[in-house]
C-alpha cells in the first residue's frame, strides 16, 4: 500500500511550528477533502489530523492569553491612571 500525498504531508508536519493562519488553512483543506472521502479509514485518519490542528489552536490561544496578562505592578499603575482621569475629568 502506497502512502498518499496528504498522509505524507500531515505525518511530516510539525504542528507546533504552525502559526494560526497555517493551522486554519490546513483545517479548511481537511474539511474539504473529508467531505469528498468515502473510505472510513481515511476519514478517521483525517479527523486525527484535525484534532492535532485544533489542539495547536488551543495552544496558540493559551500563548496569546499569557502574553497579554497584566502584571500586578502594571495593574496598579493602570488603576492609578484611571483614578486620576476620573478625578481630573
PDB file of N, CA and C in Angstrom:
ATOM      1  N   UNK A   1       0.840  -1.176   0.000  1.00  0.00           N
ATOM      2  CA  UNK A   1       0.000   0.000   0.000  1.00  0.00           C
ATOM      3  C   UNK A   1       0.889   1.244   0.000  1.00  0.00           C
ATOM      4  N   UNK A   2       0.671   2.106  -0.942  1.00  0.00           N
ATOM      5  CA  UNK A   2       1.482   3.320  -1.021  1.00  0.00           C
ATOM      6  C   UNK A   2       0.869   4.413  -0.159  1.00  0.00           C
ATOM      7  N   UNK A   3       1.729   5.267   0.312  1.00  0.00           N
ATOM      8  CA  UNK A   3       1.274   6.381   1.136  1.00  0.00           C
ATOM      9  C   UNK A   3       0.740   7.489   0.230  1.00  0.00           C
ATOM     10  N   UNK A   4      -0.361   8.060   0.624  1.00  0.00           N
ATOM     11  CA  UNK A   4      -0.944   9.153  -0.152  1.00  0.00           C
ATOM     12  C   UNK A   4      -0.226  10.448   0.204  1.00  0.00           C
ATOM     13  N   UNK A   5      -0.223  11.370  -0.719  1.00  0.00           N
ATOM     14  CA  UNK A   5       0.462  12.643  -0.514  1.00  0.00           C
ATOM     15  C   UNK A   5      -0.065  13.366   0.715  1.00  0.00           C
ATOM     16  N   UNK A   6      -1.367  13.390   0.887  1.00  0.00           N
ATOM     17  CA  UNK A   6      -1.955  14.079   2.038  1.00  0.00           C
ATOM     18  C   UNK A   6      -1.466  13.460   3.343  1.00  0.00           C
ATOM     19  N   UNK A   7      -1.364  12.138   3.381  1.00  0.00           N
ATOM     20  CA  UNK A   7      -0.865  11.467   4.581  1.00  0.00           C
ATOM     21  C   UNK A   7       0.593  11.818   4.832  1.00  0.00           C
ATOM     22  N   UNK A   8       1.381  11.834   3.778  1.00  0.00           N
ATOM     23  CA  UNK A   8       2.801  12.170   3.925  1.00  0.00           C
ATOM     24  C   UNK A   8       2.956  13.589   4.470  1.00  0.00           C
ATOM     25  N   UNK A   9       2.167  14.507   3.937  1.00  0.00           N
ATOM     26  CA  UNK A   9       2.246  15.906   4.387  1.00  0.00           C
ATOM     27  C   UNK A   9       1.946  16.001   5.875  1.00  0.00           C
ATOM     28  N   UNK A  10       0.836  15.418   6.312  1.00  0.00           N
ATOM     29  CA  UNK A  10       0.440  15.564   7.708  1.00  0.00           C
ATOM     30  C   UNK A  10       1.287  14.722   8.651  1.00  0.00           C
ATOM     31  N   UNK A  11       1.836  13.623   8.180  1.00  0.00           N
ATOM     32  CA  UNK A  11       2.715  12.830   9.031  1.00  0.00           C
ATOM     33  C   UNK A  11       4.060  13.514   9.237  1.00  0.00           C
ATOM     34  N   UNK A  12       4.452  14.372   8.311  1.00  0.00           N
ATOM     35  CA  UNK A  12       5.735  15.064   8.408  1.00  0.00           C
ATOM     36  C   UNK A  12       5.594  16.525   8.822  1.00  0.00           C
ATOM     37  N   UNK A  13       4.406  16.916   9.180  1.00  0.00           N
ATOM     38  CA  UNK A  13       4.137  18.293   9.556  1.00  0.00           C
ATOM     39  C   UNK A  13       4.462  18.505  11.025  1.00  0.00           C
ATOM     40  N   UNK A  14       5.196  19.558  11.320  1.00  0.00           N
ATOM     41  CA  UNK A  14       5.489  19.916  12.708  1.00  0.00           C
ATOM     42  C   UNK A  14       4.386  20.860  13.184  1.00  0.00           C
ATOM     43  N   UNK A  15       3.374  20.290  13.815  1.00  0.00           N
ATOM     44  CA  UNK A  15       2.211  21.066  14.227  1.00  0.00           C
ATOM     45  C   UNK A  15       2.594  22.217  15.160  1.00  0.00           C
ATOM     46  N   UNK A  16       3.593  21.992  16.008  1.00  0.00           N
ATOM     47  CA  UNK A  16       3.991  23.017  16.984  1.00  0.00           C
ATOM     48  C   UNK A  16       4.612  24.244  16.340  1.00  0.00           C
ATOM     49  N   UNK A  17       5.042  24.129  15.104  1.00  0.00           N
ATOM     50  CA  UNK A  17       5.678  25.270  14.442  1.00  0.00           C
ATOM     51  C   UNK A  17       4.679  26.114  13.643  1.00  0.00           C
ATOM     52  N   UNK A  18       3.442  25.657  13.548  1.00  0.00           N
ATOM     53  CA  UNK A  18       2.448  26.357  12.733  1.00  0.00           C
ATOM     54  C   UNK A  18       1.883  27.577  13.453  1.00  0.00           C
ATOM     55  N   UNK A  19       1.695  28.651  12.706  1.00  0.00           N
ATOM     56  CA  UNK A  19       1.012  29.813  13.267  1.00  0.00           C
ATOM     57  C   UNK A  19      -0.491  29.653  13.018  1.00  0.00           C
ATOM     58  N   UNK A  20      -1.277  30.571  13.566  1.00  0.00           N
ATOM     59  CA  UNK A  20      -2.731  30.474  13.480  1.00  0.00           C
ATOM     60  C   UNK A  20      -3.225  30.397  12.028  1.00  0.00           C
ATOM     61  N   UNK A  21      -2.664  31.202  11.168  1.00  0.00           N
ATOM     62  CA  UNK A  21      -3.087  31.233   9.767  1.00  0.00           C
ATOM     63  C   UNK A  21      -2.849  29.883   9.088  1.00  0.00           C
ATOM     64  N   UNK A  22      -1.692  29.302   9.310  1.00  0.00           N
ATOM     65  CA  UNK A  22      -1.375  28.000   8.705  1.00  0.00           C
ATOM     66  C   UNK A  22      -2.301  26.910   9.240  1.00  0.00           C
ATOM     67  N   UNK A  23      -2.566  26.936  10.544  1.00  0.00           N
ATOM     68  CA  UNK A  23      -3.462  25.940  11.135  1.00  0.00           C
ATOM     69  C   UNK A  23      -4.848  26.041  10.506  1.00  0.00           C
ATOM     70  N   UNK A  24      -5.357  27.264  10.403  1.00  0.00           N
ATOM     71  CA  UNK A  24      -6.690  27.455   9.824  1.00  0.00           C
ATOM     72  C   UNK A  24      -6.740  27.009   8.365  1.00  0.00           C
ATOM     73  N   UNK A  25      -5.690  27.295   7.613  1.00  0.00           N
ATOM     74  CA  UNK A  25      -5.644  26.853   6.214  1.00  0.00           C
ATOM     75  C   UNK A  25      -5.654  25.332   6.102  1.00  0.00           C
ATOM     76  N   UNK A  26      -4.892  24.666   6.956  1.00  0.00           N
ATOM     77  CA  UNK A  26      -4.875  23.196   6.949  1.00  0.00           C
ATOM     78  C   UNK A  26      -6.248  22.637   7.334  1.00  0.00           C
ATOM     79  N   UNK A  27      -6.900  23.264   8.316  1.00  0.00           N
ATOM     80  CA  UNK A  27      -8.225  22.798   8.726  1.00  0.00           C
ATOM     81  C   UNK A  27      -9.249  22.954   7.601  1.00  0.00           C
ATOM     82  N   UNK A  28      -9.183  24.065   6.899  1.00  0.00           N
ATOM     83  CA  UNK A  28     -10.088  24.279   5.762  1.00  0.00           C
ATOM     84  C   UNK A  28      -9.869  23.188   4.711  1.00  0.00           C
ATOM     85  N   UNK A  29      -8.605  22.922   4.421  1.00  0.00           N
ATOM     86  CA  UNK A  29      -8.279  21.894   3.423  1.00  0.00           C
ATOM     87  C   UNK A  29      -8.788  20.520   3.871  1.00  0.00           C
ATOM     88  N   UNK A  30      -8.554  20.186   5.138  1.00  0.00           N
ATOM     89  CA  UNK A  30      -9.015  18.888   5.632  1.00  0.00           C
ATOM     90  C   UNK A  30     -10.536  18.780   5.587  1.00  0.00           C
ATOM     91  N   UNK A  31     -11.232  19.861   5.891  1.00  0.00           N
ATOM     92  CA  UNK A  31     -12.694  19.840   5.797  1.00  0.00           C
ATOM     93  C   UNK A  31     -13.143  19.551   4.373  1.00  0.00           C
ATOM     94  N   UNK A  32     -12.475  20.158   3.419  1.00  0.00           N
ATOM     95  CA  UNK A  32     -12.835  19.953   2.010  1.00  0.00           C
ATOM     96  C   UNK A  32     -12.610  18.507   1.571  1.00  0.00           C
ATOM     97  N   UNK A  33     -11.457  17.950   1.922  1.00  0.00           N
ATOM     98  CA  UNK A  33     -11.187  16.583   1.452  1.00  0.00           C
ATOM     99  C   UNK A  33     -11.963  15.544   2.247  1.00  0.00           C
ATOM    100  N   UNK A  34     -12.266  15.829   3.508  1.00  0.00           N
ATOM    101  CA  UNK A  34     -13.038  14.885   4.314  1.00  0.00           C
ATOM    102  C   UNK A  34     -14.445  14.727   3.750  1.00  0.00           C
ATOM    103  N   UNK A  35     -15.017  15.814   3.262  1.00  0.00           N
ATOM    104  CA  UNK A  35     -16.369  15.760   2.693  1.00  0.00           C
ATOM    105  C   UNK A  35     -16.422  14.911   1.427  1.00  0.00           C
ATOM    106  N   UNK A  36     -15.314  14.816   0.715  1.00  0.00           N
ATOM    107  CA  UNK A  36     -15.278  14.063  -0.539  1.00  0.00           C
ATOM    108  C   UNK A  36     -14.824  12.616  -0.353  1.00  0.00           C
ATOM    109  N   UNK A  37     -14.276  12.315   0.808  1.00  0.00           N
ATOM    110  CA  UNK A  37     -13.696  10.993   1.052  1.00  0.00           C
ATOM    111  C   UNK A  37     -14.784   9.963   1.332  1.00  0.00           C
ATOM    112  N   UNK A  38     -14.585   8.754   0.833  1.00  0.00           N
ATOM    113  CA  UNK A  38     -15.543   7.672   1.075  1.00  0.00           C
ATOM    114  C   UNK A  38     -14.970   6.570   1.966  1.00  0.00           C
ATOM    115  N   UNK A  39     -13.666   6.522   2.100  1.00  0.00           N
ATOM    116  CA  UNK A  39     -13.031   5.491   2.917  1.00  0.00           C
ATOM    117  C   UNK A  39     -13.091   5.884   4.396  1.00  0.00           C
ATOM    118  N   UNK A  40     -13.722   5.037   5.188  1.00  0.00           N
ATOM    119  CA  UNK A  40     -13.849   5.310   6.614  1.00  0.00           C
ATOM    120  C   UNK A  40     -12.480   5.409   7.288  1.00  0.00           C
ATOM    121  N   UNK A  41     -11.551   4.552   6.895  1.00  0.00           N
ATOM    122  CA  UNK A  41     -10.204   4.586   7.472  1.00  0.00           C
ATOM    123  C   UNK A  41      -9.532   5.938   7.236  1.00  0.00           C
ATOM    124  N   UNK A  42      -9.672   6.461   6.034  1.00  0.00           N
ATOM    125  CA  UNK A  42      -9.058   7.757   5.722  1.00  0.00           C
ATOM    126  C   UNK A  42      -9.762   8.892   6.456  1.00  0.00           C
ATOM    127  N   UNK A  43     -11.077   8.802   6.547  1.00  0.00           N
ATOM    128  CA  UNK A  43     -11.822   9.835   7.275  1.00  0.00           C
ATOM    129  C   UNK A  43     -11.361   9.884   8.726  1.00  0.00           C
ATOM    130  N   UNK A  44     -11.209   8.727   9.342  1.00  0.00           N
ATOM    131  CA  UNK A  44     -10.728   8.666  10.727  1.00  0.00           C
ATOM    132  C   UNK A  44      -9.333   9.269  10.833  1.00  0.00           C
ATOM    133  N   UNK A  45      -8.482   8.956   9.880  1.00  0.00           N
ATOM    134  CA  UNK A  45      -7.122   9.497   9.871  1.00  0.00           C
ATOM    135  C   UNK A  45      -7.154  11.017   9.737  1.00  0.00           C
ATOM    136  N   UNK A  46      -8.006  11.523   8.844  1.00  0.00           N
ATOM    137  CA  UNK A  46      -8.106  12.971   8.642  1.00  0.00           C
ATOM    138  C   UNK A  46      -8.629  13.660   9.898  1.00  0.00           C
ATOM    139  N   UNK A  47      -9.566  13.008  10.584  1.00  0.00           N
ATOM    140  CA  UNK A  47     -10.059  13.591  11.829  1.00  0.00           C
ATOM    141  C   UNK A  47      -8.973  13.620  12.898  1.00  0.00           C
ATOM    142  N   UNK A  48      -8.094  12.643  12.891  1.00  0.00           N
ATOM    143  CA  UNK A  48      -6.982  12.684  13.856  1.00  0.00           C
ATOM    144  C   UNK A  48      -6.045  13.848  13.540  1.00  0.00           C
ATOM    145  N   UNK A  49      -5.851  14.152  12.254  1.00  0.00           N
ATOM    146  CA  UNK A  49      -5.054  15.323  11.876  1.00  0.00           C
ATOM    147  C   UNK A  49      -5.761  16.601  12.328  1.00  0.00           C
ATOM    148  N   UNK A  50      -7.090  16.628  12.147  1.00  0.00           N
ATOM    149  CA  UNK A  50      -7.859  17.803  12.554  1.00  0.00           C
ATOM    150  C   UNK A  50      -7.756  18.028  14.060  1.00  0.00           C
ATOM    151  N   UNK A  51      -7.786  16.959  14.830  1.00  0.00           N
ATOM    152  CA  UNK A  51      -7.662  17.078  16.284  1.00  0.00           C
ATOM    153  C   UNK A  51      -6.307  17.669  16.650  1.00  0.00           C
ATOM    154  N   UNK A  52      -5.260  17.208  15.995  1.00  0.00           N
ATOM    155  CA  UNK A  52      -3.924  17.760  16.254  1.00  0.00           C
ATOM    156  C   UNK A  52      -3.871  19.249  15.921  1.00  0.00           C
ATOM    157  N   UNK A  53      -4.490  19.630  14.822  1.00  0.00           N
ATOM    158  CA  UNK A  53      -4.512  21.044  14.435  1.00  0.00           C
ATOM    159  C   UNK A  53      -5.346  21.874  15.412  1.00  0.00           C
ATOM    160  N   UNK A  54      -6.472  21.335  15.842  1.00  0.00           N
ATOM    161  CA  UNK A  54      -7.308  22.060  16.797  1.00  0.00           C
ATOM    162  C   UNK A  54      -6.611  22.188  18.146  1.00  0.00           C
ATOM    163  N   UNK A  55      -5.851  21.175  18.536  1.00  0.00           N
ATOM    164  CA  UNK A  55      -5.053  21.279  19.762  1.00  0.00           C
ATOM    165  C   UNK A  55      -4.012  22.387  19.633  1.00  0.00           C
ATOM    166  N   UNK A  56      -3.448  22.534  18.449  1.00  0.00           N
ATOM    167  CA  UNK A  56      -2.489  23.619  18.208  1.00  0.00           C
ATOM    168  C   UNK A  56      -3.174  24.980  18.362  1.00  0.00           C
ATOM    169  N   UNK A  57      -4.409  25.104  17.881  1.00  0.00           N
ATOM    170  CA  UNK A  57      -5.148  26.359  18.062  1.00  0.00           C
ATOM    171  C   UNK A  57      -5.356  26.669  19.543  1.00  0.00           C
ATOM    172  N   UNK A  58      -5.679  25.656  20.319  1.00  0.00           N
ATOM    173  CA  UNK A  58      -5.844  25.849  21.764  1.00  0.00           C
ATOM    174  C   UNK A  58      -4.531  26.329  22.375  1.00  0.00           C
ATOM    175  N   UNK A  59      -3.432  25.719  21.974  1.00  0.00           N
ATOM    176  CA  UNK A  59      -2.118  26.120  22.473  1.00  0.00           C
ATOM    177  C   UNK A  59      -1.820  27.573  22.097  1.00  0.00           C
ATOM    178  N   UNK A  60      -2.127  27.949  20.870  1.00  0.00           N
ATOM    179  CA  UNK A  60      -1.900  29.329  20.432  1.00  0.00           C
ATOM    180  C   UNK A  60      -2.771  30.300  21.225  1.00  0.00           C
ATOM    181  N   UNK A  61      -4.005  29.909  21.525  1.00  0.00           N
ATOM    182  CA  UNK A  61      -4.884  30.756  22.333  1.00  0.00           C
ATOM    183  C   UNK A  61      -4.312  30.953  23.733  1.00  0.00           C
ATOM    184  N   UNK A  62      -3.804  29.876  24.325  1.00  0.00           N
ATOM    185  CA  UNK A  62      -3.207  29.981  25.660  1.00  0.00           C
ATOM    186  C   UNK A  62      -1.989  30.893  25.637  1.00  0.00           C
ATOM    187  N   UNK A  63      -1.171  30.763  24.605  1.00  0.00           N
ATOM    188  CA  UNK A  63       0.005  31.626  24.485  1.00  0.00           C
ATOM    189  C   UNK A  63      -0.403  33.086  24.345  1.00  0.00           C
ATOM    190  N   UNK A  64      -1.476  33.336  23.618  1.00  0.00           N
ATOM    191  CA  UNK A  64      -1.965  34.702  23.451  1.00  0.00           C
ATOM    192  C   UNK A  64      -2.442  35.272  24.781  1.00  0.00           C
ATOM    193  N   UNK A  65      -3.209  34.491  25.518  1.00  0.00           N
ATOM    194  CA  UNK A  65      -3.695  34.939  26.826  1.00  0.00           C
ATOM    195  C   UNK A  65      -2.523  35.218  27.756  1.00  0.00           C
ATOM    196  N   UNK A  66      -1.555  34.328  27.777  1.00  0.00           N
ATOM    197  CA  UNK A  66      -0.383  34.522  28.633  1.00  0.00           C
ATOM    198  C   UNK A  66       0.394  35.771  28.248  1.00  0.00           C
ATOM    199  N   UNK A  67       0.414  36.089  26.967  1.00  0.00           N
ATOM    200  CA  UNK A  67       1.192  37.246  26.521  1.00  0.00           C
ATOM    201  C   UNK A  67       0.520  38.570  26.866  1.00  0.00           C
ATOM    202  N   UNK A  68      -0.793  38.552  27.125  1.00  0.00           N
ATOM    203  CA  UNK A  68      -1.470  39.811  27.433  1.00  0.00           C
ATOM    204  C   UNK A  68      -1.871  39.932  28.896  1.00  0.00           C
ATOM    205  N   UNK A  69      -1.476  38.978  29.712  1.00  0.00           N
ATOM    206  CA  UNK A  69      -1.755  39.088  31.139  1.00  0.00           C
ATOM    207  C   UNK A  69      -1.023  40.297  31.692  1.00  0.00           C
ATOM    208  N   UNK A  70      -1.698  41.006  32.563  1.00  0.00           N
ATOM    209  CA  UNK A  70      -1.127  42.217  33.146  1.00  0.00           C
ATOM    210  C   UNK A  70      -0.493  41.858  34.483  1.00  0.00           C
ATOM    211  N   UNK A  71       0.738  42.275  34.661  1.00  0.00           N
ATOM    212  CA  UNK A  71       1.435  42.019  35.917  1.00  0.00           C
ATOM    213  C   UNK A  71       0.795  42.865  37.018  1.00  0.00           C
ATOM    214  N   UNK A  72       0.937  42.460  38.280  1.00  0.00           N
ATOM    215  CA  UNK A  72       0.355  43.239  39.381  1.00  0.00           C
ATOM    216  C   UNK A  72       0.844  44.689  39.399  1.00  0.00           C
ATOM    217  N   UNK A  73       2.122  44.900  39.049  1.00  0.00           N
ATOM    218  CA  UNK A  73       2.656  46.263  39.041  1.00  0.00           C
ATOM    219  C   UNK A  73       1.963  47.100  37.969  1.00  0.00           C
ATOM    220  N   UNK A  74       1.807  46.528  36.796  1.00  0.00           N
ATOM    221  CA  UNK A  74       1.148  47.237  35.701  1.00  0.00           C
ATOM    222  C   UNK A  74      -0.313  47.492  36.027  1.00  0.00           C
ATOM    223  N   UNK A  75      -0.951  46.524  36.665  1.00  0.00           N
ATOM    224  CA  UNK A  75      -2.357  46.671  37.024  1.00  0.00           C
ATOM    225  C   UNK A  75      -2.535  47.837  37.986  1.00  0.00           C
ATOM    226  N   UNK A  76      -1.648  47.930  38.961  1.00  0.00           N
ATOM    227  CA  UNK A  76      -1.715  49.029  39.927  1.00  0.00           C
ATOM    228  C   UNK A  76      -1.537  50.372  39.232  1.00  0.00           C
ATOM    229  N   UNK A  77      -0.587  50.445  38.309  1.00  0.00           N
ATOM    230  CA  UNK A  77      -0.337  51.681  37.565  1.00  0.00           C
ATOM    231  C   UNK A  77      -1.552  52.052  36.723  1.00  0.00           C
ATOM    232  N   UNK A  78      -2.164  51.071  36.085  1.00  0.00           N
ATOM    233  CA  UNK A  78      -3.356  51.323  35.278  1.00  0.00           C
ATOM    234  C   UNK A  78      -4.514  51.814  36.138  1.00  0.00           C
ATOM    235  N   UNK A  79      -4.669  51.223  37.316  1.00  0.00           N
ATOM    236  CA  UNK A  79      -5.742  51.651  38.211  1.00  0.00           C
ATOM    237  C   UNK A  79      -5.518  53.088  38.671  1.00  0.00           C
ATOM    238  N   UNK A  80      -4.270  53.423  38.994  1.00  0.00           N
ATOM    239  CA  UNK A  80      -3.965  54.790  39.422  1.00  0.00           C
ATOM    240  C   UNK A  80      -4.236  55.779  38.295  1.00  0.00           C
ATOM    241  N   UNK A  81      -3.869  55.425  37.085  1.00  0.00           N
ATOM    242  CA  UNK A  81      -4.116  56.303  35.935  1.00  0.00           C
ATOM    243  C   UNK A  81      -5.608  56.501  35.717  1.00  0.00           C
ATOM    244  N   UNK A  82      -6.369  55.445  35.856  1.00  0.00           N
ATOM    245  CA  UNK A  82      -7.818  55.539  35.677  1.00  0.00           C
ATOM    246  C   UNK A  82      -8.434  56.421  36.749  1.00  0.00           C
ATOM    247  N   UNK A  83      -7.963  56.279  37.980  1.00  0.00           N
ATOM    248  CA  UNK A  83      -8.476  57.120  39.066  1.00  0.00           C
ATOM    249  C   UNK A  83      -8.156  58.588  38.826  1.00  0.00           C
ATOM    250  N   UNK A  84      -6.947  58.874  38.359  1.00  0.00           N
ATOM    251  CA  UNK A  84      -6.560  60.260  38.073  1.00  0.00           C
ATOM    252  C   UNK A  84      -7.454  60.849  36.992  1.00  0.00           C
ATOM    253  N   UNK A  85      -7.745  60.064  35.963  1.00  0.00           N
ATOM    254  CA  UNK A  85      -8.608  60.558  34.883  1.00  0.00           C
ATOM    255  C   UNK A  85     -10.013  60.835  35.392  1.00  0.00           C
ATOM    256  N   UNK A  86     -10.487  60.003  36.315  1.00  0.00           N
ATOM    257  CA  UNK A  86     -11.827  60.198  36.865  1.00  0.00           C
ATOM    258  C   UNK A  86     -11.884  61.457  37.723  1.00  0.00           C
ATOM    259  N   UNK A  87     -10.823  61.696  38.502  1.00  0.00           N
ATOM    260  CA  UNK A  87     -10.776  62.861  39.387  1.00  0.00           C
ATOM    261  C   UNK A  87     -10.612  64.136  38.572  1.00  0.00           C
ATOM    262  N   UNK A  88      -9.713  64.103  37.589  1.00  0.00           N
ATOM    263  CA  UNK A  88      -9.434  65.283  36.770  1.00  0.00           C
ATOM    264  C   UNK A  88     -10.585  65.546  35.807  1.00  0.00           C
ATOM    265  N   UNK A  89     -11.106  64.505  35.215  1.00  0.00           N
ATOM    266  CA  UNK A  89     -12.112  64.635  34.160  1.00  0.00           C
ATOM    267  C   UNK A  89     -13.441  64.879  34.713  1.00  0.00           C
TER     268      UNK A  89
END
